[in-house]
Amino acid sequence: MSRSRGLLVGILSMLLAAMAWLVSREPRLWGGSTIAMPLPVPEGDQEIAWIHTVINAASWERFVAGALHARPSLGDIEIDDSRAFLEQSTDIPELVLRRNGSVGKLRIRWYKVNSEANIPYWAGALARRSPAPLAIVGGGTSDRAVELAVAVAGQPTWRGPKPLLFFTTATANHITLPDDATGFSQDLMQLYPQRSFRICFTDQQIAQAILDFVWQAPDLRPQGCLLASLSAIPQAAQGPTSAAVWGTLALLAAQTDAAAPMFFTIQWQDDPYSSDLADQFKSVMDESSHQSRQVRLDKTLPTFRRFHAYHHEVQYSVGSFHRVTAVEANAVDFVLTQLPTLPGQRSLLVVPAAPAPTRRVLNALSSNAPYAGRHLVAVSGDAINFNTVYRDADLSWPTQAPRIPLVFFAHQNPVAWTVEPEPRGRLARAPSTTELLPPNSTEDVLHNANLVRLIAQASFDATGLVPDSDRLAERLRQRQPAFFDADGNRLGGSGEYVLCLRPRMDDPALGSAPLGVIGSLEVWHRDGQHRWKLIRSLPIELP
């Protein structure tokens, strides 16, 4: 072999070696796959798998912030976040929890969901690895919770006891499986029974809390026509004669239908969240359900024997920013034609939807009837949040409209700031990992802190780290005070937060409020005695 030929062979060998190295490092460049594999669990340690989409790094950041916020309440349990944020996007970040004096560590790892490594992939990969995770955290929406529960329950074997499931913000009580042609509705918690735990409140609890709050507020409570009741006053003034008594009772009985307030529901059929929440509102408003569940906790409030209920179904929730779709416009027109106009009359409008369709409907109502808010109160769920109507209101919820009171829900306190907000709630400096600064909502950080606190306190017992998921489930069910019911749902009746967006109904130029203030955002909290307490009232100003 000549010297030049040997040199050429050497160069080719080096190029082939370099190409092989590149393939091993970046297989996507050559049509390969970069699907990650679950990390090994060191002997004596346990793992919590946090499954979430790869494009939503902000959710992991808020989860870590929640964990660090919970750290002072964990006693001798330490949190190591040195590997929480890694340089490579394909790496698997983790938080490490360890109790002083114990050997085992609890590792909370983010397994990133993408087009290749989807939820069924991670469920299968974690089932094949030894040991299985103690628990899997996911279910940011009800759809994802269904996919996760089906994937985990469908694994034929696990290396050890099956992991628990923690649903973070999946609120639906009942769901329909995507491939179920029958449309049969199922209980979400029964897809993976006795091993699922829901950290958030359910749609049923959301509907109960919101209606309970509305009923206790005299300026929000639905009210029908009072003329029949008022007409009974002069009849009763005639004295305690039999004719007067029976005449009074007859007039009061006649108001049953006339005084019944109106109850409107607009439901978007392509949104499972909207369908379930609408059903829960209708169920709570039903007379028998209304009595048995004691939604109206203050027994001194008036009881309506019936409502004039109107239900509208909208096929699609996709639409523009401001303008309602044709089907939404039909629902809006019907509400306007039925809207009461007499003083004191007030109807209830249920809009169980995401911000976009809710904003379109309320804007259309306000545009066609500028003072509709005097006779209408809108209620929704947790899809609309504090950031939508306050922090990002200039873009996502223009403050000039709509002029209709809106009541919605939060799972934790959204205004638990560590410093007071400056004018318009803004703050010049960025929040740190330990501060909760306005105008950002604190709901997600506190919700994650509660999740980490529950997991940490149940994962470490007197002897150290729990040996498996069976022991973890046992400790969660034995927790005092109890947090979960027998099915794994979070207990309701206290701890709920309700937000009330109150626009000004008069001309701002004629009112007593400061110039430019066109409304307020109130945050209310229900305590253990089922009482609502005002936490904070924030002014809503013109941009």
Protein backbone atom coordinates (compact mmCIF):
# COMPACT_ATOMS: atom_id res chain seq x y z
CA MET A 1 0.00 0.00 0.00
CA SER A 2 1.44 3.39 -1.00
CA ARG A 3 1.91 6.12 1.59
CA SER A 4 -0.78 8.34 0.00
CA ARG A 5 -3.26 5.47 -0.12
CA GLY A 6 -2.60 4.66 3.54
CA LEU A 7 -3.13 8.31 4.42
CA LEU A 8 -6.47 8.27 2.54
CA VAL A 9 -7.62 5.15 4.39
CA GLY A 10 -6.68 6.77 7.69
CA ILE A 11 -8.66 9.92 6.87
CA LEU A 12 -11.72 7.87 5.85
CA SER A 13 -11.50 5.85 9.05
CA MET A 14 -11.43 9.06 11.08
CA LEU A 15 -14.44 10.42 9.16
CA LEU A 16 -16.40 7.21 9.75
CA ALA A 17 -15.56 7.31 13.44
CA ALA A 18 -16.66 10.94 13.62
CA MET A 19 -19.93 10.12 11.84
CA ALA A 20 -20.60 7.24 14.24
CA TRP A 21 -20.03 9.59 17.16
CA LEU A 22 -22.43 12.13 15.67
CA VAL A 23 -25.09 9.48 15.15
CA SER A 24 -24.79 8.44 18.77
CA ARG A 25 -25.00 12.05 19.95
CA GLU A 26 -27.61 13.47 17.50
CA PRO A 27 -29.50 10.61 15.86
CA ARG A 28 -32.17 13.01 14.55
CA LEU A 29 -29.61 14.29 12.02
CA TRP A 30 -29.56 10.83 10.43
CA GLY A 31 -33.21 9.88 10.71
CA GLY A 32 -32.81 8.20 14.07
CA SER A 33 -34.68 8.75 17.33
CA THR A 34 -33.88 10.68 20.47
CA ILE A 35 -36.57 9.12 22.63
CA ALA A 36 -35.34 9.26 26.20
CA MET A 37 -35.47 6.38 28.62
CA PRO A 38 -36.46 6.52 32.29
CA LEU A 39 -33.52 7.12 34.57
CA PRO A 40 -32.45 4.31 36.91
CA VAL A 41 -33.46 4.58 40.55
CA PRO A 42 -30.54 4.05 42.97
CA GLU A 43 -31.04 1.29 45.51
CA GLY A 44 -32.95 2.53 48.54
CA ASP A 45 -34.40 5.53 46.67
CA GLN A 46 -37.89 6.07 45.29
CA GLU A 47 -39.20 8.05 42.34
CA ILE A 48 -42.17 10.29 41.55
CA ALA A 49 -42.62 10.66 37.77
CA TRP A 50 -43.88 14.14 36.81
CA ILE A 51 -45.17 13.73 33.23
CA HIS A 52 -45.70 16.92 31.27
CA THR A 53 -45.21 18.31 27.75
CA VAL A 54 -41.71 19.31 26.73
CA ILE A 55 -42.82 22.73 25.43
CA ASN A 56 -44.22 23.82 28.80
CA ALA A 57 -41.06 24.52 30.76
CA ALA A 58 -42.86 27.27 32.66
CA SER A 59 -45.04 24.64 34.34
CA TRP A 60 -41.95 22.85 35.66
CA GLU A 61 -40.51 26.17 36.84
CA ARG A 62 -43.70 26.90 38.78
CA PHE A 63 -43.67 23.35 40.16
CA VAL A 64 -40.11 23.85 41.44
CA ALA A 65 -41.12 27.24 42.85
CA GLY A 66 -43.98 25.53 44.66
CA ALA A 67 -41.66 22.90 46.10
CA LEU A 68 -39.27 25.55 47.38
CA HIS A 69 -42.20 27.50 48.81
CA ALA A 70 -43.28 24.37 50.73
CA ARG A 71 -39.79 23.71 52.12
CA PRO A 72 -40.21 25.66 55.42
CA SER A 73 -43.28 23.55 56.30
CA LEU A 74 -41.54 20.21 55.71
CA GLY A 75 -39.56 20.17 58.96
CA ASP A 76 -36.44 18.02 58.63
CA ILE A 77 -37.11 17.13 54.97
CA GLU A 78 -34.61 18.88 52.72
CA ILE A 79 -35.04 19.71 49.01
CA ASP A 80 -32.08 19.64 46.61
CA ASP A 81 -32.84 21.58 43.40
CA SER A 82 -29.31 21.53 41.98
CA ARG A 83 -30.48 19.36 39.04
CA ALA A 84 -33.87 21.02 38.57
CA PHE A 85 -32.76 23.04 35.53
CA LEU A 86 -30.34 21.37 33.12
CA GLU A 87 -28.64 22.73 30.02
CA GLN A 88 -29.69 20.02 27.57
CA SER A 89 -33.37 20.06 26.62
CA THR A 90 -33.31 16.25 26.32
CA ASP A 91 -32.03 15.77 29.87
CA ILE A 92 -34.40 14.74 32.67
CA PRO A 93 -34.50 17.32 35.50
CA GLU A 94 -35.19 16.26 39.05
CA LEU A 95 -35.82 17.47 42.58
CA VAL A 96 -34.38 15.35 45.38
CA LEU A 97 -36.08 15.17 48.79
CA ARG A 98 -34.28 13.69 51.75
CA ARG A 99 -35.04 13.49 55.47
CA ASN A 100 -32.20 14.14 57.87
CA GLY A 101 -31.00 10.86 59.32
CA SER A 102 -32.63 8.75 56.58
CA VAL A 103 -30.75 6.99 53.82
CA GLY A 104 -33.31 6.84 51.02
CA LYS A 105 -34.03 9.80 48.75
CA LEU A 106 -37.26 10.71 46.96
CA ARG A 107 -36.57 11.82 43.38
CA ILE A 108 -39.23 13.85 41.53
CA ARG A 109 -38.35 13.74 37.83
CA TRP A 110 -39.80 15.51 34.83
CA TYR A 111 -40.38 13.03 31.97
CA LYS A 112 -41.04 15.19 28.94
CA VAL A 113 -43.90 14.39 26.59
CA ASN A 114 -43.39 15.03 22.87
CA SER A 115 -44.56 13.58 19.57
CA GLU A 116 -42.36 10.50 19.99
CA ALA A 117 -42.28 10.01 23.75
CA ASN A 118 -45.98 10.43 24.43
CA ILE A 119 -47.94 9.47 27.56
CA PRO A 120 -48.48 5.79 26.56
CA TYR A 121 -44.75 5.51 25.80
CA TRP A 122 -43.72 6.77 29.24
CA ALA A 123 -46.29 4.55 30.97
CA GLY A 124 -44.88 1.49 29.19
CA ALA A 125 -41.26 2.46 29.77
CA LEU A 126 -41.82 3.08 33.47
CA ALA A 127 -43.71 -0.23 33.78
CA ARG A 128 -40.75 -2.14 32.34
CA ARG A 129 -38.17 -0.46 34.58
CA SER A 130 -37.38 -1.80 38.03
CA PRO A 131 -38.48 -0.43 40.39
CA ALA A 132 -41.77 1.14 39.35
CA PRO A 133 -42.38 4.74 40.46
CA LEU A 134 -44.12 5.37 43.74
CA ALA A 135 -46.51 7.66 41.88
CA ILE A 136 -47.07 9.48 38.60
CA VAL A 137 -48.10 13.15 38.59
CA GLY A 138 -50.04 14.59 35.65
CA GLY A 139 -53.51 15.44 34.48
CA GLY A 140 -53.19 19.18 34.02
CA THR A 141 -56.45 18.92 32.07
CA SER A 142 -59.21 16.34 32.20
CA ASP A 143 -58.28 15.10 28.70
CA ARG A 144 -54.69 14.44 29.77
CA ALA A 145 -55.88 12.82 32.98
CA VAL A 146 -57.98 10.39 30.93
CA GLU A 147 -55.05 9.56 28.65
CA LEU A 148 -52.73 9.07 31.63
CA ALA A 149 -55.18 6.91 33.59
CA VAL A 150 -55.94 4.71 30.58
CA ALA A 151 -52.22 4.30 29.78
CA VAL A 152 -51.22 3.41 33.34
CA ALA A 153 -54.18 1.09 33.94
CA GLY A 154 -53.49 -0.65 30.62
CA GLN A 155 -50.02 -1.87 31.57
CA PRO A 156 -50.22 -5.66 32.11
CA THR A 157 -47.40 -5.80 34.66
CA TRP A 158 -45.33 -3.48 36.82
CA ARG A 159 -42.04 -4.20 38.56
CA GLY A 160 -43.58 -4.01 42.00
CA PRO A 161 -46.88 -2.51 43.22
CA LYS A 162 -48.67 -0.31 40.69
CA PRO A 163 -47.85 3.39 41.05
CA LEU A 164 -50.38 5.89 42.36
CA LEU A 165 -51.75 8.66 40.14
CA PHE A 166 -51.94 12.29 41.25
CA PHE A 167 -54.20 14.49 39.11
CA THR A 168 -53.14 18.12 39.46
CA THR A 169 -55.92 20.24 37.88
CA ALA A 170 -58.21 17.73 36.16
CA THR A 171 -61.62 18.77 37.52
CA ALA A 172 -64.13 16.72 35.48
CA ASN A 173 -66.33 14.38 37.49
CA HIS A 174 -67.43 12.37 34.45
CA ILE A 175 -65.70 11.82 31.14
CA THR A 176 -66.28 9.97 27.88
CA LEU A 177 -63.42 7.91 26.47
CA PRO A 178 -62.30 9.18 23.04
CA ASP A 179 -62.74 5.78 21.33
CA ASP A 180 -66.08 4.98 23.01
CA ALA A 181 -68.70 5.14 20.25
CA THR A 182 -71.52 4.69 22.77
CA GLY A 183 -70.78 8.03 24.43
CA PHE A 184 -71.11 6.39 27.84
CA SER A 185 -70.08 8.70 30.68
CA GLN A 186 -67.67 7.35 33.29
CA ASP A 187 -66.32 8.54 36.60
CA LEU A 188 -62.78 9.81 36.04
CA MET A 189 -61.56 8.33 39.31
CA GLN A 190 -62.77 4.85 38.33
CA LEU A 191 -60.49 4.58 35.28
CA TYR A 192 -57.69 3.65 37.68
CA PRO A 193 -59.65 2.91 40.86
CA GLN A 194 -58.31 3.06 44.40
CA ARG A 195 -54.94 4.32 43.20
CA SER A 196 -55.95 7.76 41.87
CA PHE A 197 -55.84 10.92 43.98
CA ARG A 198 -57.12 14.31 42.89
CA ILE A 199 -55.31 17.33 44.35
CA CYS A 200 -57.79 19.87 42.94
CA PHE A 201 -61.51 20.36 43.52
CA THR A 202 -63.98 18.71 41.14
CA ASP A 203 -66.45 20.39 38.79
CA GLN A 204 -69.24 19.43 41.17
CA GLN A 205 -67.46 21.10 44.08
CA ILE A 206 -66.72 24.14 41.92
CA ALA A 207 -70.40 24.51 41.00
CA GLN A 208 -71.48 24.06 44.62
CA ALA A 209 -69.00 26.64 45.91
CA ILE A 210 -69.84 29.26 43.28
CA LEU A 211 -73.60 28.94 43.72
CA ASP A 212 -73.21 29.00 47.50
CA PHE A 213 -71.24 32.24 47.17
CA VAL A 214 -73.74 33.79 44.75
CA TRP A 215 -76.64 32.93 47.06
CA GLN A 216 -75.04 34.67 50.04
CA ALA A 217 -74.44 37.92 48.12
CA PRO A 218 -77.61 40.07 47.98
CA ASP A 219 -76.41 41.94 44.88
CA LEU A 220 -75.61 38.73 42.98
CA ARG A 221 -78.36 36.34 44.07
CA PRO A 222 -80.89 35.44 41.31
CA GLN A 223 -84.28 37.02 41.88
CA GLY A 224 -87.57 36.78 40.00
CA CYS A 225 -90.40 39.28 39.85
CA LEU A 226 -91.40 40.58 43.28
CA LEU A 227 -94.72 42.14 42.25
CA ALA A 228 -96.77 39.13 43.39
CA SER A 229 -95.12 39.21 46.80
CA LEU A 230 -95.58 42.96 47.14
CA SER A 231 -99.27 42.68 46.25
CA ALA A 232 -99.77 40.42 49.26
CA ILE A 233 -98.78 43.21 51.66
CA PRO A 234 -101.99 45.29 51.46
CA GLN A 235 -104.04 42.08 51.59
CA ALA A 236 -102.32 41.08 54.83
CA ALA A 237 -102.78 44.61 56.23
CA GLN A 238 -106.57 44.12 56.31
CA GLY A 239 -106.20 42.22 59.55
CA PRO A 240 -106.20 38.63 60.82
CA THR A 241 -109.52 37.74 59.24
CA SER A 242 -109.91 34.43 57.49
CA ALA A 243 -110.50 36.18 54.16
CA ALA A 244 -107.34 38.25 54.54
CA VAL A 245 -105.26 35.25 55.57
CA TRP A 246 -106.42 33.06 52.72
CA GLY A 247 -106.11 35.94 50.26
CA THR A 248 -102.54 36.54 51.34
CA LEU A 249 -101.64 32.87 51.04
CA ALA A 250 -103.25 32.72 47.59
CA LEU A 251 -101.17 35.66 46.35
CA LEU A 252 -97.98 34.20 47.79
CA ALA A 253 -98.71 30.85 46.20
CA ALA A 254 -99.33 32.55 42.88
CA GLN A 255 -95.78 33.90 42.84
CA THR A 256 -94.26 30.40 42.57
CA ASP A 257 -93.87 30.64 38.81
CA ALA A 258 -93.82 34.40 38.40
CA ALA A 259 -91.07 34.94 40.99
CA ALA A 260 -88.89 32.08 39.83
CA PRO A 261 -85.61 33.51 38.53
CA MET A 262 -84.21 32.60 35.12
CA PHE A 263 -81.26 30.26 34.77
CA PHE A 264 -79.41 30.19 31.42
CA THR A 265 -76.69 27.70 30.44
CA ILE A 266 -74.51 27.85 27.33
CA GLN A 267 -72.54 24.65 26.77
CA TRP A 268 -69.84 24.03 24.15
CA GLN A 269 -70.13 20.43 22.92
CA ASP A 270 -66.56 20.05 21.63
CA ASP A 271 -65.13 20.79 25.08
CA PRO A 272 -65.47 17.92 27.62
CA TYR A 273 -64.71 20.36 30.44
CA SER A 274 -67.60 22.58 29.36
CA SER A 275 -70.01 19.66 29.12
CA ASP A 276 -69.18 18.26 32.55
CA LEU A 277 -69.17 21.62 34.33
CA ALA A 278 -72.49 22.57 32.72
CA ASP A 279 -74.00 19.29 33.89
CA GLN A 280 -72.73 19.92 37.43
CA PHE A 281 -74.24 23.42 37.53
CA LYS A 282 -77.57 22.08 36.26
CA SER A 283 -77.49 19.26 38.81
CA VAL A 284 -76.80 21.61 41.71
CA MET A 285 -79.55 23.98 40.55
CA ASP A 286 -82.08 21.17 40.44
CA GLU A 287 -84.48 21.42 43.37
CA SER A 288 -83.86 17.97 44.87
CA SER A 289 -80.11 18.29 44.45
CA HIS A 290 -80.28 21.85 45.78
CA GLN A 291 -81.88 20.64 49.00
CA SER A 292 -79.93 17.41 49.58
CA ARG A 293 -76.49 18.88 48.99
CA GLN A 294 -77.23 21.98 51.07
CA VAL A 295 -75.77 24.34 48.53
CA ARG A 296 -77.62 27.18 50.23
CA LEU A 297 -75.92 26.95 53.61
CA ASP A 298 -77.56 30.10 55.00
CA LYS A 299 -81.09 28.88 55.81
CA THR A 300 -82.38 32.47 56.09
CA LEU A 301 -82.05 33.05 52.35
CA PRO A 302 -85.16 32.61 50.19
CA THR A 303 -85.74 29.21 48.67
CA PHE A 304 -87.08 29.08 45.14
CA ARG A 305 -89.16 26.01 44.40
CA ARG A 306 -88.17 26.14 40.74
CA PHE A 307 -86.20 28.02 38.11
CA HIS A 308 -87.06 28.95 34.58
CA ALA A 309 -84.14 27.04 33.04
CA TYR A 310 -82.92 27.46 29.46
CA HIS A 311 -80.10 25.40 28.03
CA HIS A 312 -78.20 26.10 24.80
CA GLU A 313 -75.66 23.83 23.13
CA VAL A 314 -72.97 25.27 20.89
CA GLN A 315 -71.19 22.84 18.58
CA TYR A 316 -67.74 24.47 18.45
CA SER A 317 -65.76 26.65 20.86
CA VAL A 318 -63.39 27.91 18.15
CA GLY A 319 -63.94 31.51 17.13
CA SER A 320 -62.44 34.98 16.90
CA PHE A 321 -61.26 37.14 19.78
CA HIS A 322 -64.28 39.44 20.08
CA ARG A 323 -67.03 38.39 17.68
CA VAL A 324 -69.36 35.53 18.57
CA THR A 325 -69.97 32.71 16.12
CA ALA A 326 -73.37 32.35 14.48
CA VAL A 327 -74.50 29.69 16.96
CA GLU A 328 -73.19 31.68 19.93
CA ALA A 329 -75.06 34.72 18.57
CA ASN A 330 -78.33 32.75 18.64
CA ALA A 331 -77.78 31.91 22.30
CA VAL A 332 -76.93 35.53 23.11
CA ASP A 333 -80.06 36.77 21.31
CA PHE A 334 -82.24 34.38 23.26
CA VAL A 335 -80.77 35.50 26.59
CA LEU A 336 -81.36 39.14 25.67
CA THR A 337 -84.98 38.51 24.71
CA GLN A 338 -85.65 36.73 28.02
CA LEU A 339 -83.61 39.04 30.22
CA PRO A 340 -85.74 40.66 32.95
CA THR A 341 -86.00 44.44 33.07
CA LEU A 342 -87.86 45.23 36.32
CA PRO A 343 -85.88 46.62 39.28
CA GLY A 344 -84.53 43.88 41.51
CA GLN A 345 -84.88 41.11 38.94
CA ARG A 346 -81.70 39.18 38.27
CA SER A 347 -80.94 36.09 36.17
CA LEU A 348 -78.04 33.66 36.26
CA LEU A 349 -75.93 32.81 33.20
CA VAL A 350 -73.64 29.75 33.33
CA VAL A 351 -70.75 29.97 30.84
CA PRO A 352 -68.60 26.89 31.55
CA ALA A 353 -65.82 27.53 29.06
CA ALA A 354 -62.29 28.76 28.45
CA PRO A 355 -61.61 32.53 28.39
CA ALA A 356 -62.08 33.00 24.63
CA PRO A 357 -65.70 31.83 24.21
CA THR A 358 -66.67 33.30 27.60
CA ARG A 359 -65.24 36.67 26.59
CA ARG A 360 -67.06 36.58 23.24
CA VAL A 361 -70.44 35.84 24.81
CA LEU A 362 -70.14 38.45 27.57
CA ASN A 363 -68.88 41.07 25.11
CA ALA A 364 -71.83 40.39 22.81
CA LEU A 365 -74.28 40.72 25.70
CA SER A 366 -72.68 43.99 26.86
CA SER A 367 -72.55 45.44 23.35
CA ASN A 368 -76.23 44.79 22.69
CA ALA A 369 -77.43 45.67 26.19
CA PRO A 370 -74.92 48.00 27.94
CA TYR A 371 -76.72 47.67 31.29
CA ALA A 372 -77.39 43.94 31.11
CA GLY A 373 -75.16 43.55 34.15
CA ARG A 374 -77.86 45.06 36.33
CA HIS A 375 -80.09 42.05 35.64
CA LEU A 376 -77.57 39.30 34.89
CA VAL A 377 -74.75 37.54 36.75
CA ALA A 378 -72.38 35.22 34.88
CA VAL A 379 -70.67 32.26 36.56
CA SER A 380 -67.94 29.97 35.25
CA GLY A 381 -65.31 27.54 36.59
CA ASP A 382 -61.53 27.46 36.94
CA ALA A 383 -60.63 27.74 33.22
CA ILE A 384 -60.73 31.52 33.63
CA ASN A 385 -58.03 32.51 36.09
CA PHE A 386 -56.64 35.52 37.90
CA ASN A 387 -53.90 36.20 35.33
CA THR A 388 -56.47 36.32 32.52
CA VAL A 389 -58.62 39.06 34.03
CA TYR A 390 -55.97 40.97 36.00
CA ARG A 391 -52.31 40.53 35.11
CA ASP A 392 -52.87 40.09 31.37
CA ALA A 393 -56.21 41.91 31.19
CA ASP A 394 -55.01 44.55 28.71
CA LEU A 395 -54.58 41.80 26.11
CA SER A 396 -56.69 38.84 27.21
CA TRP A 397 -59.61 40.56 28.96
CA PRO A 398 -60.01 44.21 27.84
CA THR A 399 -61.16 46.18 30.88
CA GLN A 400 -63.67 48.34 28.97
CA ALA A 401 -65.94 45.31 28.48
CA PRO A 402 -67.84 43.27 29.40
CA ARG A 403 -69.94 45.11 32.00
CA ILE A 404 -71.46 41.97 33.52
CA PRO A 405 -70.46 40.58 36.93
CA LEU A 406 -68.48 37.36 36.56
CA VAL A 407 -67.87 34.80 39.32
CA PHE A 408 -65.22 32.12 38.81
CA PHE A 409 -63.08 29.71 40.84
CA ALA A 410 -59.54 29.18 42.15
CA HIS A 411 -58.07 26.13 43.89
CA GLN A 412 -55.66 28.24 45.96
CA ASN A 413 -55.25 31.86 46.95
CA PRO A 414 -54.21 33.81 43.80
CA VAL A 415 -53.18 36.95 45.72
CA ALA A 416 -50.93 35.55 48.47
CA TRP A 417 -48.20 38.04 47.59
CA THR A 418 -45.24 38.55 49.90
CA VAL A 419 -45.17 42.29 49.08
CA GLU A 420 -47.96 44.78 48.44
CA PRO A 421 -48.67 45.63 44.79
CA GLU A 422 -47.81 49.01 43.35
CA PRO A 423 -50.39 50.97 41.32
CA ARG A 424 -52.12 48.69 38.80
CA GLY A 425 -50.55 45.77 40.65
CA ARG A 426 -47.28 46.05 38.76
CA LEU A 427 -43.82 45.52 40.20
CA ALA A 428 -40.61 46.53 38.48
CA ARG A 429 -38.45 43.63 39.59
CA ALA A 430 -38.84 40.00 38.58
CA PRO A 431 -40.00 37.40 41.14
CA SER A 432 -37.40 35.16 42.76
CA THR A 433 -37.77 31.56 43.80
CA THR A 434 -38.81 32.54 47.32
CA GLU A 435 -40.94 35.66 46.74
CA LEU A 436 -44.48 35.76 45.44
CA LEU A 437 -44.78 39.10 43.72
CA PRO A 438 -47.68 40.89 42.01
CA PRO A 439 -49.21 40.96 39.50
CA ASN A 440 -48.62 37.21 39.00
CA SER A 441 -51.21 34.82 40.35
CA THR A 442 -49.93 32.77 43.27
CA GLU A 443 -52.50 30.00 42.73
CA ASP A 444 -50.26 27.62 40.78
CA VAL A 445 -47.27 28.01 43.12
CA LEU A 446 -49.42 27.37 46.21
CA HIS A 447 -51.18 24.48 44.47
CA ASN A 448 -47.83 22.87 43.65
CA ALA A 449 -46.60 23.56 47.18
CA ASN A 450 -49.62 21.72 48.54
CA LEU A 451 -48.94 18.78 46.22
CA VAL A 452 -45.28 18.54 47.25
CA ARG A 453 -46.24 18.85 50.91
CA LEU A 454 -48.77 16.00 50.64
CA ILE A 455 -46.30 13.76 48.80
CA ALA A 456 -43.36 14.51 51.08
CA GLN A 457 -45.25 14.05 54.34
CA ALA A 458 -46.76 10.76 53.17
CA SER A 459 -43.55 9.41 51.61
CA PHE A 460 -41.48 9.64 54.80
CA ASP A 461 -42.70 7.87 57.93
CA ALA A 462 -41.02 7.35 61.29
CA THR A 463 -38.68 4.70 59.86
CA GLY A 464 -37.70 6.61 56.73
CA LEU A 465 -38.80 6.44 53.10
CA VAL A 466 -41.88 4.29 52.42
CA PRO A 467 -41.03 0.96 50.74
CA ASP A 468 -43.69 1.05 47.98
CA SER A 469 -46.82 2.70 46.59
CA ASP A 470 -49.14 0.54 48.73
CA ARG A 471 -47.70 2.09 51.88
CA LEU A 472 -47.88 5.57 50.31
CA ALA A 473 -51.59 5.09 49.52
CA GLU A 474 -52.23 3.87 53.06
CA ARG A 475 -50.58 6.94 54.58
CA LEU A 476 -52.50 9.29 52.29
CA ARG A 477 -55.83 7.75 53.35
CA GLN A 478 -54.86 7.87 57.03
CA ARG A 479 -53.85 11.51 56.88
CA GLN A 480 -55.34 13.77 59.59
CA PRO A 481 -57.08 16.02 58.96
CA ALA A 482 -58.36 14.02 56.01
CA PHE A 483 -57.66 15.47 52.58
CA PHE A 484 -59.20 12.81 50.30
CA ASP A 485 -62.50 10.95 50.28
CA ALA A 486 -62.87 7.20 49.71
CA ASP A 487 -62.57 7.60 45.92
CA GLY A 488 -59.47 9.76 46.11
CA ASN A 489 -61.19 13.09 45.44
CA ARG A 490 -60.19 16.14 47.42
CA LEU A 491 -62.70 16.90 50.17
CA GLY A 492 -64.76 20.05 49.66
CA GLY A 493 -66.68 22.44 51.87
CA SER A 494 -63.66 24.52 52.92
CA GLY A 495 -60.51 25.79 51.28
CA GLU A 496 -62.23 26.95 48.07
CA TYR A 497 -61.54 30.39 46.58
CA VAL A 498 -64.03 32.36 44.51
CA LEU A 499 -63.22 35.44 42.45
CA CYS A 500 -65.83 38.05 41.60
CA LEU A 501 -65.16 40.53 38.80
CA ARG A 502 -67.48 43.48 39.44
CA PRO A 503 -67.68 46.13 36.70
CA ARG A 504 -69.11 49.53 37.56
CA MET A 505 -72.72 49.79 36.45
CA ASP A 506 -72.93 53.58 36.56
CA ASP A 507 -71.09 56.24 34.61
CA PRO A 508 -67.54 56.29 36.06
CA ALA A 509 -67.47 60.08 35.64
CA LEU A 510 -70.44 60.42 38.03
CA GLY A 511 -69.38 57.93 40.68
CA SER A 512 -67.35 58.29 43.85
CA ALA A 513 -64.59 55.89 42.76
CA PRO A 514 -61.24 57.34 41.66
CA LEU A 515 -61.10 58.48 38.06
CA GLY A 516 -60.15 55.61 35.75
CA VAL A 517 -61.36 52.87 38.10
CA ILE A 518 -64.06 50.96 36.24
CA GLY A 519 -64.54 47.98 38.50
CA SER A 520 -63.01 45.66 41.08
CA LEU A 521 -61.78 42.10 41.40
CA GLU A 522 -62.67 40.50 44.72
CA VAL A 523 -61.07 37.32 46.11
CA TRP A 524 -63.15 35.37 48.64
CA HIS A 525 -62.25 32.30 50.71
CA ARG A 526 -64.49 29.70 52.38
CA ASP A 527 -63.35 28.56 55.81
CA GLY A 528 -64.09 25.43 57.81
CA GLN A 529 -67.41 26.87 59.01
CA HIS A 530 -68.63 27.33 55.41
CA ARG A 531 -68.38 31.11 55.72
CA TRP A 532 -67.10 33.34 52.94
CA LYS A 533 -64.44 35.89 53.86
CA LEU A 534 -63.18 38.69 51.61
CA ILE A 535 -59.41 38.30 51.20
CA ARG A 536 -58.66 41.23 48.90
CA SER A 537 -60.38 43.69 46.59
CA LEU A 538 -58.31 45.03 43.70
CA PRO A 539 -59.31 48.03 41.58
CA ILE A 540 -59.74 47.49 37.85
CA GLU A 541 -58.40 50.51 35.97
CA LEU A 542 -58.43 51.72 32.41
CA PRO A 543 -55.23 50.79 30.54
